[in-house]
Amino acid sequence: MKKDKDYFKFIENIRDTISPSIISEISPSYLSEPRGLYWNESLHIIKPRSTKEVSDCLRLATKHKIGVVPWSGGTGLVGGQIASDKYHVTLSLEKMNKIRNFSSINQSIEVEAGVILESVHEFVGKKSFLFPLSMASKGSCCIGGNLATNAGGIGVLKYGNARDLCLGLEVVLADGSIINDIKTLKKDNTGYDLKNLFIGSEGSLGIITRAVLRLFPALENRIVAFFGVPNFNSALKSYIEISRRFGQSLQAFELISDEGLKFLEETKMTQSVVKENRSQWYLLVELGFNSNALEQEVFETLDDLYNREIILDVILGDTESKARKLWKMREDIPEANKKVGAISSHDISLPLENMESFINKSLYEIKKINRFLRVNCFGHMGDGNLHFNIFPPNKESNSRYMDIKPKLVEIINNNCKRLEGSFSAEHGVGRLKVKDLKQYCDPGKFDVMCQIKKAFDPLALLNPGVILRQHTHEK
């Protein structure tokens, strides 16, 4: 069989011309993704140690027409890191994990793609700087994957997505050629913005090998506050008020539903800080600042909102240990969701003024299907990103309800479209949402994306089947 012969010739060439030590049979830790929806079909995994070795691997892959699927921590939630064909090789950047060229003057740091996000936090933290990209998977996700998916997380409200935190990139293209755009410049208008083309492309246009990240001076103080609100409109009012008064200091504004707190208790993940007087919605707010005078103003604002009955009982994380406890409650919700077992999970974004309409309309339509279905809606309210996940009735398995999943997906995606939102806010398209992209994307935009993919990767060898399910050399 020709495909079989070409594939094993490719493996042999990797061993003979690069090094036998960088390739091995795939091991169990690379076989699945966090939600268990996809199974890695790769027979082998390649672990290059340098940009040159990545280049050599892709040059050989093009020669033998072998698909290459990048692996960067494996924490993605849309299947982008999972090969769907045994003749597609997995390529991990984990051995390219050097931190280099920290500059306190430029407020930047250069890192290889395999550096773990939390390692960057620890390194720059010791130098009194902050790299604000952060998420629950920070202990295992890698910078290359963060950039390839344009990761979001809890700091987007103030600092932006991964795209906003990257100053320069090094990328290897499908044919093995290298683009070196490693710069510390905040302004560079020399032609097309290739850097931002690769960020968010999920490894389908090129493989990111190095990056220059933007840093910020660490803030001396922070306040974390957790409070309930009587209704969603009050949540919106509190956001408007707090952002108006403390816009430059507001770092996170997270929405948590009571259902999310119940899931934490149900799965014994975290003990809820709310003992009585439960609300339907809660907010977790973080502000960072250097002025002690601002701290008192924050307390006065919260008192004012409380006295006007816009917010309810406030729990302050005014020490580091209290703040960490409150954040742990928020960060544990995705793991609690996983343990409960969702029927359908959605990562969406909406204009803030349309968010309540979306929630109410979607809940109504979901309850019409089955009034006992549970919805855990939570997320980064300040930047318009909600995680809207639908679960079976209490003590029932999601496997009994998979027949209604297509209808649930249709409800959420259609409501997003009608209310000027997006069906994918921060997780990307991957393999999971390829059909959704084709259905809901503007036709002009979709056509241009297809042209870009064909120009950069004419044989469709880079992460085949991700974002665009186009014809490949194998079909």
Protein backbone atom coordinates (compact mmCIF):
# COMPACT_ATOMS: atom_id res chain seq x y z
CA MET A 1 0.00 0.00 0.00
CA LYS A 2 1.53 3.30 -1.13
CA LYS A 3 0.44 5.40 1.87
CA ASP A 4 1.92 2.81 4.22
CA LYS A 5 5.19 2.75 2.28
CA ASP A 6 5.44 6.57 2.11
CA TYR A 7 4.73 6.94 5.82
CA PHE A 8 7.37 4.49 7.02
CA LYS A 9 9.88 5.90 4.55
CA PHE A 10 9.26 9.28 6.18
CA ILE A 11 9.81 7.79 9.66
CA GLU A 12 13.02 6.14 8.46
CA ASN A 13 14.27 9.42 6.97
CA ILE A 14 13.60 11.28 10.23
CA ARG A 15 15.74 8.74 12.10
CA ASP A 16 18.51 8.66 9.50
CA THR A 17 18.83 12.32 8.53
CA ILE A 18 17.89 14.13 11.77
CA SER A 19 18.18 11.85 14.81
CA PRO A 20 16.65 8.57 16.00
CA SER A 21 16.23 10.11 19.46
CA ILE A 22 13.55 12.63 18.41
CA ILE A 23 10.99 10.09 17.22
CA SER A 24 9.20 7.28 19.04
CA GLU A 25 5.96 5.37 19.03
CA ILE A 26 3.07 7.37 20.46
CA SER A 27 2.58 6.92 24.22
CA PRO A 28 -0.71 6.97 26.21
CA SER A 29 -0.33 10.56 27.45
CA TYR A 30 -0.76 11.84 23.89
CA LEU A 31 -3.75 9.73 22.90
CA SER A 32 -6.70 11.86 24.00
CA GLU A 33 -7.81 15.39 24.84
CA PRO A 34 -9.42 16.77 28.03
CA ARG A 35 -13.05 16.08 27.08
CA GLY A 36 -12.41 12.60 25.68
CA LEU A 37 -14.17 13.38 22.39
CA TYR A 38 -11.24 12.51 20.13
CA TRP A 39 -8.68 9.71 20.05
CA ASN A 40 -5.22 10.31 18.57
CA GLU A 41 -4.65 7.99 15.60
CA SER A 42 -0.93 8.87 15.22
CA LEU A 43 1.47 5.95 15.32
CA HIS A 44 4.50 8.11 16.13
CA ILE A 45 5.42 11.32 17.90
CA ILE A 46 8.31 13.60 16.94
CA LYS A 47 9.94 15.82 19.58
CA PRO A 48 12.35 18.23 17.83
CA ARG A 49 14.86 20.12 19.97
CA SER A 50 15.39 23.18 17.77
CA THR A 51 13.81 25.27 15.05
CA LYS A 52 16.16 23.66 12.54
CA GLU A 53 14.89 20.20 13.50
CA VAL A 54 11.27 21.38 13.13
CA SER A 55 12.22 22.74 9.71
CA ASP A 56 13.90 19.47 8.70
CA CYS A 57 10.87 17.45 9.87
CA LEU A 58 8.42 19.56 7.86
CA ARG A 59 10.65 19.48 4.80
CA LEU A 60 10.60 15.67 4.94
CA ALA A 61 6.84 15.65 5.62
CA THR A 62 6.29 17.69 2.45
CA LYS A 63 8.58 15.41 0.47
CA HIS A 64 6.61 12.31 1.54
CA LYS A 65 3.21 14.10 1.78
CA ILE A 66 2.71 13.27 5.48
CA GLY A 67 0.27 15.28 7.61
CA VAL A 68 1.73 16.87 10.75
CA VAL A 69 -0.37 17.62 13.84
CA PRO A 70 1.24 19.98 16.41
CA TRP A 71 0.95 19.09 20.10
CA SER A 72 1.50 21.83 22.69
CA GLY A 73 0.44 20.74 26.16
CA GLY A 74 -2.66 18.92 24.91
CA THR A 75 -5.10 21.12 26.85
CA GLY A 76 -7.17 22.37 23.87
CA LEU A 77 -10.92 21.74 24.08
CA VAL A 78 -11.86 21.51 20.39
CA GLY A 79 -9.70 18.58 19.26
CA GLY A 80 -7.12 20.64 17.39
CA GLN A 81 -4.22 18.64 18.83
CA ILE A 82 -5.57 15.20 17.83
CA ALA A 83 -4.60 13.42 14.60
CA SER A 84 -7.50 11.72 12.85
CA ASP A 85 -5.39 9.50 10.57
CA LYS A 86 -2.69 6.96 11.44
CA TYR A 87 -0.55 8.38 8.63
CA HIS A 88 -0.49 11.80 10.30
CA VAL A 89 2.43 12.21 12.69
CA THR A 90 2.16 14.12 15.99
CA LEU A 91 4.83 16.79 16.53
CA SER A 92 5.39 18.00 20.10
CA LEU A 93 7.33 21.17 20.93
CA GLU A 94 7.86 20.14 24.56
CA LYS A 95 11.67 19.86 24.28
CA MET A 96 11.90 23.41 22.98
CA ASN A 97 11.40 24.94 26.40
CA LYS A 98 14.10 27.59 26.86
CA ILE A 99 13.40 31.04 28.29
CA ARG A 100 15.68 33.69 26.81
CA ASN A 101 16.29 37.41 26.45
CA PHE A 102 14.34 38.98 29.30
CA SER A 103 14.43 42.77 29.04
CA SER A 104 13.19 45.03 31.81
CA ILE A 105 13.75 48.02 29.51
CA ASN A 106 11.70 46.69 26.59
CA GLN A 107 9.38 44.91 29.04
CA SER A 108 9.58 41.73 27.00
CA ILE A 109 10.80 38.15 27.09
CA GLU A 110 11.69 35.67 24.37
CA VAL A 111 10.61 32.05 24.86
CA GLU A 112 10.54 28.84 22.88
CA ALA A 113 7.15 27.39 22.01
CA GLY A 114 7.32 24.51 24.50
CA VAL A 115 7.66 26.71 27.59
CA ILE A 116 4.80 26.10 30.03
CA LEU A 117 2.71 29.20 30.71
CA GLU A 118 3.11 28.99 34.49
CA SER A 119 6.91 28.85 34.06
CA VAL A 120 6.74 32.25 32.36
CA HIS A 121 4.65 33.59 35.25
CA GLU A 122 7.19 32.33 37.79
CA PHE A 123 10.22 33.62 35.87
CA VAL A 124 8.96 37.16 35.30
CA GLY A 125 7.31 37.31 38.74
CA LYS A 126 10.74 37.01 40.37
CA LYS A 127 11.76 40.09 38.39
CA SER A 128 8.69 42.08 39.48
CA PHE A 129 6.95 41.75 36.12
CA LEU A 130 3.67 40.25 34.98
CA PHE A 131 2.72 38.21 31.93
CA PRO A 132 -1.06 38.52 32.22
CA LEU A 133 -2.23 35.59 30.08
CA SER A 134 -3.73 33.12 32.58
CA MET A 135 -6.19 30.24 32.66
CA ALA A 136 -6.96 27.12 34.67
CA SER A 137 -4.59 24.99 32.54
CA LYS A 138 -1.60 27.31 33.10
CA GLY A 139 0.39 24.50 34.74
CA SER A 140 0.41 22.36 31.59
CA CYS A 141 -0.45 24.49 28.53
CA CYS A 142 2.45 25.85 26.49
CA ILE A 143 3.15 29.22 24.90
CA GLY A 144 3.13 27.84 21.35
CA GLY A 145 -0.37 26.45 21.82
CA ASN A 146 -1.53 29.61 23.61
CA LEU A 147 -0.54 31.66 20.58
CA ALA A 148 -1.71 29.13 17.99
CA THR A 149 -5.20 29.26 19.52
CA ASN A 150 -5.09 32.97 20.47
CA ALA A 151 -5.88 31.91 24.04
CA GLY A 152 -8.02 34.14 26.23
CA GLY A 153 -8.54 33.41 29.93
CA ILE A 154 -9.13 35.65 32.88
CA GLY A 155 -6.98 38.69 31.99
CA VAL A 156 -8.49 39.60 28.61
CA LEU A 157 -10.60 42.42 30.01
CA LYS A 158 -7.54 44.57 30.74
CA TYR A 159 -4.70 43.04 28.74
CA GLY A 160 -6.32 41.36 25.72
CA ASN A 161 -5.95 37.89 24.19
CA ALA A 162 -2.65 36.13 23.46
CA ARG A 163 -2.49 38.09 20.19
CA ASP A 164 -2.29 41.36 22.11
CA LEU A 165 0.56 40.03 24.25
CA CYS A 166 2.88 38.93 21.45
CA LEU A 167 5.47 41.24 19.87
CA GLY A 168 7.28 38.81 17.58
CA LEU A 169 7.21 35.25 16.23
CA GLU A 170 9.34 32.62 14.60
CA VAL A 171 7.31 30.20 12.46
CA VAL A 172 8.16 27.18 10.33
CA LEU A 173 6.06 26.73 7.18
CA ALA A 174 4.88 23.47 5.63
CA ASP A 175 7.82 23.26 3.23
CA GLY A 176 10.32 23.77 6.06
CA SER A 177 11.09 27.43 5.35
CA ILE A 178 11.47 29.65 8.41
CA ILE A 179 9.94 33.07 9.03
CA ASN A 180 12.00 34.94 11.62
CA ASP A 181 9.97 37.87 12.88
CA ILE A 182 11.44 37.89 16.40
CA LYS A 183 11.17 41.55 17.40
CA THR A 184 10.48 43.59 20.52
CA LEU A 185 8.84 46.44 18.59
CA LYS A 186 5.39 47.70 19.46
CA LYS A 187 5.20 49.51 16.10
CA ASP A 188 6.23 47.89 12.82
CA ASN A 189 4.29 48.73 9.65
CA THR A 190 6.54 46.97 7.15
CA GLY A 191 3.96 45.24 5.00
CA TYR A 192 1.49 42.48 5.83
CA ASP A 193 1.01 41.55 9.48
CA LEU A 194 2.12 37.92 9.19
CA LYS A 195 2.51 37.50 12.95
CA ASN A 196 -1.18 37.93 13.59
CA LEU A 197 -2.03 35.63 10.70
CA PHE A 198 -0.30 32.72 12.45
CA ILE A 199 -1.68 33.57 15.89
CA GLY A 200 -5.07 31.86 16.10
CA SER A 201 -4.46 29.65 13.04
CA GLU A 202 -4.23 26.52 15.24
CA GLY A 203 -1.11 25.22 13.50
CA SER A 204 -2.86 25.07 10.12
CA LEU A 205 -0.62 27.68 8.42
CA GLY A 206 2.71 27.16 10.20
CA ILE A 207 4.23 25.87 13.41
CA ILE A 208 5.23 28.51 15.98
CA THR A 209 8.68 27.79 17.42
CA ARG A 210 9.64 31.01 19.27
CA ALA A 211 7.89 34.14 20.48
CA VAL A 212 8.58 37.49 22.09
CA LEU A 213 6.00 38.20 24.79
CA ARG A 214 4.91 41.54 26.16
CA LEU A 215 5.33 42.08 29.91
CA PHE A 216 3.90 44.57 32.40
CA PRO A 217 5.30 45.83 35.72
CA ALA A 218 3.82 43.84 38.58
CA LEU A 219 1.18 45.64 40.62
CA GLU A 220 1.79 46.06 44.33
CA ASN A 221 -1.77 45.45 45.52
CA ARG A 222 -4.89 43.67 44.41
CA ILE A 223 -8.42 43.30 45.71
CA VAL A 224 -10.61 40.35 44.87
CA ALA A 225 -14.31 40.60 45.67
CA PHE A 226 -17.05 37.99 45.37
CA PHE A 227 -20.70 38.97 45.61
CA GLY A 228 -24.16 37.96 44.51
CA VAL A 229 -26.57 40.00 42.43
CA PRO A 230 -30.40 39.83 42.52
CA ASN A 231 -30.65 39.40 38.72
CA PHE A 232 -28.61 39.57 35.54
CA ASN A 233 -29.45 43.22 34.95
CA SER A 234 -27.80 44.02 38.28
CA ALA A 235 -24.70 42.13 37.16
CA LEU A 236 -24.54 44.37 34.10
CA LYS A 237 -25.17 47.50 36.18
CA SER A 238 -22.37 46.58 38.60
CA TYR A 239 -19.97 46.02 35.69
CA ILE A 240 -20.81 49.39 34.16
CA GLU A 241 -20.36 51.15 37.51
CA ILE A 242 -17.10 49.43 38.50
CA SER A 243 -15.53 49.73 35.05
CA ARG A 244 -16.49 53.40 34.85
CA ARG A 245 -14.81 54.15 38.17
CA PHE A 246 -11.82 51.82 37.95
CA GLY A 247 -11.38 51.05 34.24
CA GLN A 248 -7.57 51.08 34.27
CA SER A 249 -7.42 48.93 37.40
CA LEU A 250 -10.16 46.41 36.59
CA GLN A 251 -8.39 43.16 35.65
CA ALA A 252 -11.17 40.56 35.75
CA PHE A 253 -14.95 40.51 35.95
CA GLU A 254 -16.16 36.92 36.09
CA LEU A 255 -19.75 35.67 36.03
CA ILE A 256 -20.61 32.55 38.05
CA SER A 257 -24.03 30.92 38.25
CA ASP A 258 -25.47 29.25 41.32
CA GLU A 259 -25.60 26.06 39.26
CA GLY A 260 -21.80 26.28 39.03
CA LEU A 261 -21.50 26.49 42.80
CA LYS A 262 -23.84 23.52 43.15
CA PHE A 263 -21.61 21.53 40.76
CA LEU A 264 -18.57 22.31 42.94
CA GLU A 265 -20.42 20.97 45.97
CA GLU A 266 -21.88 18.00 44.09
CA THR A 267 -18.46 16.87 42.87
CA LYS A 268 -16.71 17.82 46.13
CA MET A 269 -14.25 19.93 44.15
CA THR A 270 -14.42 23.05 46.31
CA GLN A 271 -16.48 24.09 49.29
CA SER A 272 -18.64 27.01 48.25
CA VAL A 273 -18.11 30.25 50.18
CA VAL A 274 -21.88 30.87 50.00
CA LYS A 275 -23.69 29.21 52.89
CA GLU A 276 -27.09 30.90 52.75
CA ASN A 277 -29.01 33.64 50.92
CA ARG A 278 -28.25 32.06 47.56
CA SER A 279 -28.51 34.13 44.38
CA GLN A 280 -28.97 33.00 40.79
CA TRP A 281 -25.81 34.90 39.75
CA TYR A 282 -22.50 35.81 41.37
CA LEU A 283 -19.57 37.95 40.30
CA LEU A 284 -15.85 37.59 40.98
CA VAL A 285 -14.01 40.86 40.46
CA GLU A 286 -10.29 41.62 40.62
CA LEU A 287 -8.67 45.04 40.66
CA GLY A 288 -4.93 45.70 40.67
CA PHE A 289 -3.28 48.98 41.66
CA ASN A 290 -0.30 50.64 43.31
CA SER A 291 -2.11 53.34 45.27
CA ASN A 292 -3.44 52.63 48.75
CA ALA A 293 -5.88 55.51 48.28
CA LEU A 294 -7.61 53.55 45.53
CA GLU A 295 -8.22 50.64 47.88
CA GLN A 296 -10.47 52.74 50.09
CA GLU A 297 -12.33 54.02 47.02
CA VAL A 298 -13.03 50.42 45.96
CA PHE A 299 -14.49 49.61 49.38
CA GLU A 300 -16.67 52.72 49.24
CA THR A 301 -17.94 51.79 45.76
CA LEU A 302 -18.86 48.28 46.87
CA ASP A 303 -20.67 49.74 49.90
CA ASP A 304 -22.56 52.11 47.62
CA LEU A 305 -23.62 49.30 45.26
CA TYR A 306 -24.70 47.22 48.25
CA ASN A 307 -26.73 50.05 49.78
CA ARG A 308 -28.48 50.58 46.43
CA GLU A 309 -29.28 46.83 46.34
CA ILE A 310 -27.43 46.37 43.05
CA ILE A 311 -25.16 43.79 44.69
CA LEU A 312 -25.72 41.49 47.66
CA ASP A 313 -23.43 40.12 50.39
CA VAL A 314 -19.78 40.84 49.58
CA ILE A 315 -16.90 38.51 50.43
CA LEU A 316 -13.51 40.22 50.16
CA GLY A 317 -10.29 38.52 49.17
CA ASP A 318 -8.24 41.25 50.81
CA THR A 319 -5.32 38.94 51.62
CA GLU A 320 -3.44 36.73 49.19
CA SER A 321 -4.73 33.51 50.75
CA LYS A 322 -8.36 34.71 50.66
CA ALA A 323 -7.95 35.89 47.07
CA ARG A 324 -6.51 32.52 46.02
CA LYS A 325 -9.43 30.73 47.69
CA LEU A 326 -11.96 32.78 45.75
CA TRP A 327 -10.14 32.27 42.46
CA LYS A 328 -9.81 28.53 43.09
CA MET A 329 -13.59 28.34 43.29
CA ARG A 330 -13.87 29.94 39.83
CA GLU A 331 -11.02 27.91 38.30
CA ASP A 332 -12.41 24.59 39.57
CA ILE A 333 -15.73 25.00 37.75
CA PRO A 334 -14.48 23.53 34.42
CA GLU A 335 -13.21 20.42 36.21
CA ALA A 336 -16.52 20.09 38.09
CA ASN A 337 -18.32 20.35 34.75
CA LYS A 338 -16.16 17.53 33.42
CA LYS A 339 -17.02 15.32 36.38
CA VAL A 340 -20.75 15.98 36.05
CA GLY A 341 -20.58 15.33 32.29
CA ALA A 342 -22.03 17.83 29.83
CA ILE A 343 -24.35 16.95 26.98
CA SER A 344 -23.15 19.99 25.05
CA SER A 345 -20.50 22.62 25.88
CA HIS A 346 -20.29 26.06 24.29
CA ASP A 347 -17.65 28.79 24.32
CA ILE A 348 -19.41 31.87 22.99
CA SER A 349 -19.09 35.64 22.93
CA LEU A 350 -21.76 38.32 22.74
CA PRO A 351 -22.11 42.09 22.91
CA LEU A 352 -22.77 42.85 26.59
CA GLU A 353 -26.09 44.49 25.79
CA ASN A 354 -27.31 41.24 24.16
CA MET A 355 -26.06 38.83 26.80
CA GLU A 356 -29.21 38.69 28.95
CA SER A 357 -31.42 38.21 25.88
CA PHE A 358 -29.25 35.31 24.76
CA ILE A 359 -29.37 33.62 28.17
CA ASN A 360 -33.13 34.01 28.58
CA LYS A 361 -33.97 32.90 25.04
CA SER A 362 -31.61 29.91 25.16
CA LEU A 363 -32.82 28.75 28.58
CA TYR A 364 -36.44 28.97 27.40
CA GLU A 365 -35.76 26.88 24.29
CA ILE A 366 -33.67 24.32 26.20
CA LYS A 367 -36.37 23.87 28.86
CA LYS A 368 -38.92 23.31 26.09
CA ILE A 369 -36.91 20.23 25.08
CA ASN A 370 -36.62 18.96 28.65
CA ARG A 371 -37.41 21.12 31.68
CA PHE A 372 -35.08 19.08 33.90
CA LEU A 373 -31.93 19.82 31.90
CA ARG A 374 -29.39 21.85 33.86
CA VAL A 375 -27.37 24.77 32.48
CA ASN A 376 -24.13 26.03 33.96
CA CYS A 377 -23.47 29.45 32.46
CA PHE A 378 -20.27 31.15 33.62
CA GLY A 379 -17.30 32.98 32.17
CA HIS A 380 -15.52 36.21 31.47
CA MET A 381 -18.45 38.60 31.50
CA GLY A 382 -16.29 41.71 31.25
CA ASP A 383 -15.06 40.79 27.77
CA GLY A 384 -18.36 39.22 26.64
CA ASN A 385 -17.21 35.57 26.78
CA LEU A 386 -19.59 32.99 28.28
CA HIS A 387 -19.19 29.25 28.74
CA PHE A 388 -22.72 27.95 28.30
CA ASN A 389 -22.84 24.24 29.12
CA ILE A 390 -25.88 21.96 29.19
CA PHE A 391 -26.13 18.94 31.51
CA PRO A 392 -28.51 16.05 32.13
CA PRO A 393 -30.91 16.06 35.08
CA ASN A 394 -29.33 15.44 38.47
CA LYS A 395 -27.90 11.92 38.95
CA GLU A 396 -28.42 11.00 35.28
CA SER A 397 -25.74 10.24 32.68
CA ASN A 398 -25.17 12.50 29.68
CA SER A 399 -25.00 9.40 27.45
CA ARG A 400 -28.80 9.07 27.68
CA TYR A 401 -29.27 12.53 26.16
CA MET A 402 -26.80 12.61 23.27
CA ASP A 403 -29.64 12.31 20.75
CA ILE A 404 -30.71 15.88 21.60
CA LYS A 405 -27.20 17.35 21.33
CA PRO A 406 -27.57 18.48 17.68
CA LYS A 407 -30.71 20.41 18.59
CA LEU A 408 -28.99 22.02 21.58
CA VAL A 409 -26.02 23.06 19.40
CA GLU A 410 -28.44 24.54 16.87
CA ILE A 411 -30.22 26.57 19.57
CA ILE A 412 -27.01 28.06 20.95
CA ASN A 413 -25.38 28.79 17.60
CA ASN A 414 -28.52 30.29 16.07
CA ASN A 415 -29.10 32.53 19.09
CA CYS A 416 -25.47 33.67 18.93
CA LYS A 417 -25.85 34.51 15.26
CA ARG A 418 -29.12 36.43 15.78
CA LEU A 419 -27.63 38.44 18.63
CA GLU A 420 -24.39 39.35 16.81
CA GLY A 421 -22.22 36.94 18.75
CA SER A 422 -19.68 34.23 17.96
CA PHE A 423 -19.99 30.46 18.47
CA SER A 424 -16.29 30.31 19.39
CA ALA A 425 -14.84 32.95 21.70
CA GLU A 426 -11.52 31.64 23.00
CA HIS A 427 -11.27 27.86 22.42
CA GLY A 428 -10.96 28.05 18.65
CA VAL A 429 -12.49 25.94 15.88
CA GLY A 430 -10.30 22.84 15.94
CA ARG A 431 -12.00 19.72 14.62
CA LEU A 432 -15.09 20.10 16.78
CA LYS A 433 -16.51 23.23 15.12
CA VAL A 434 -15.45 22.88 11.48
CA LYS A 435 -19.06 22.46 10.28
CA ASP A 436 -20.19 25.36 12.45
CA LEU A 437 -17.57 27.63 10.90
CA LYS A 438 -18.68 26.82 7.37
CA GLN A 439 -22.35 27.32 8.32
CA TYR A 440 -22.07 30.55 10.33
CA CYS A 441 -19.01 32.29 8.89
CA ASP A 442 -19.43 35.17 6.44
CA PRO A 443 -19.00 33.61 2.97
CA GLY A 444 -16.47 36.23 1.90
CA LYS A 445 -14.34 35.69 4.98
CA PHE A 446 -14.56 31.91 4.62
CA ASP A 447 -13.44 32.07 0.99
CA VAL A 448 -10.42 34.22 1.87
CA MET A 449 -9.44 31.81 4.67
CA CYS A 450 -9.52 28.93 2.17
CA GLN A 451 -7.28 30.92 -0.20
CA ILE A 452 -4.81 31.71 2.59
CA LYS A 453 -4.65 28.06 3.63
CA LYS A 454 -4.02 26.99 0.04
CA ALA A 455 -1.27 29.59 -0.38
CA PHE A 456 0.61 28.64 2.79
CA ASP A 457 -0.08 24.90 2.78
CA PRO A 458 -1.06 23.75 -0.75
CA LEU A 459 -0.89 20.05 0.16
CA ALA A 460 -2.94 20.56 3.36
CA LEU A 461 -0.27 18.84 5.47
CA LEU A 462 -0.36 21.15 8.51
CA ASN A 463 -2.94 20.00 11.05
CA PRO A 464 -5.19 18.41 8.40
CA GLY A 465 -8.90 18.83 9.10
CA VAL A 466 -8.53 21.70 11.57
CA ILE A 467 -10.58 24.87 10.90
CA LEU A 468 -11.08 24.06 7.20
CA ARG A 469 -11.98 20.55 6.05
CA GLN A 470 -10.55 20.91 2.58
CA HIS A 471 -9.47 18.26 0.09
CA THR A 472 -5.98 16.95 0.73
CA HIS A 473 -3.44 15.11 -1.33
CA GLU A 474 -4.84 11.83 0.03
CA LYS A 475 -8.33 12.19 -1.40
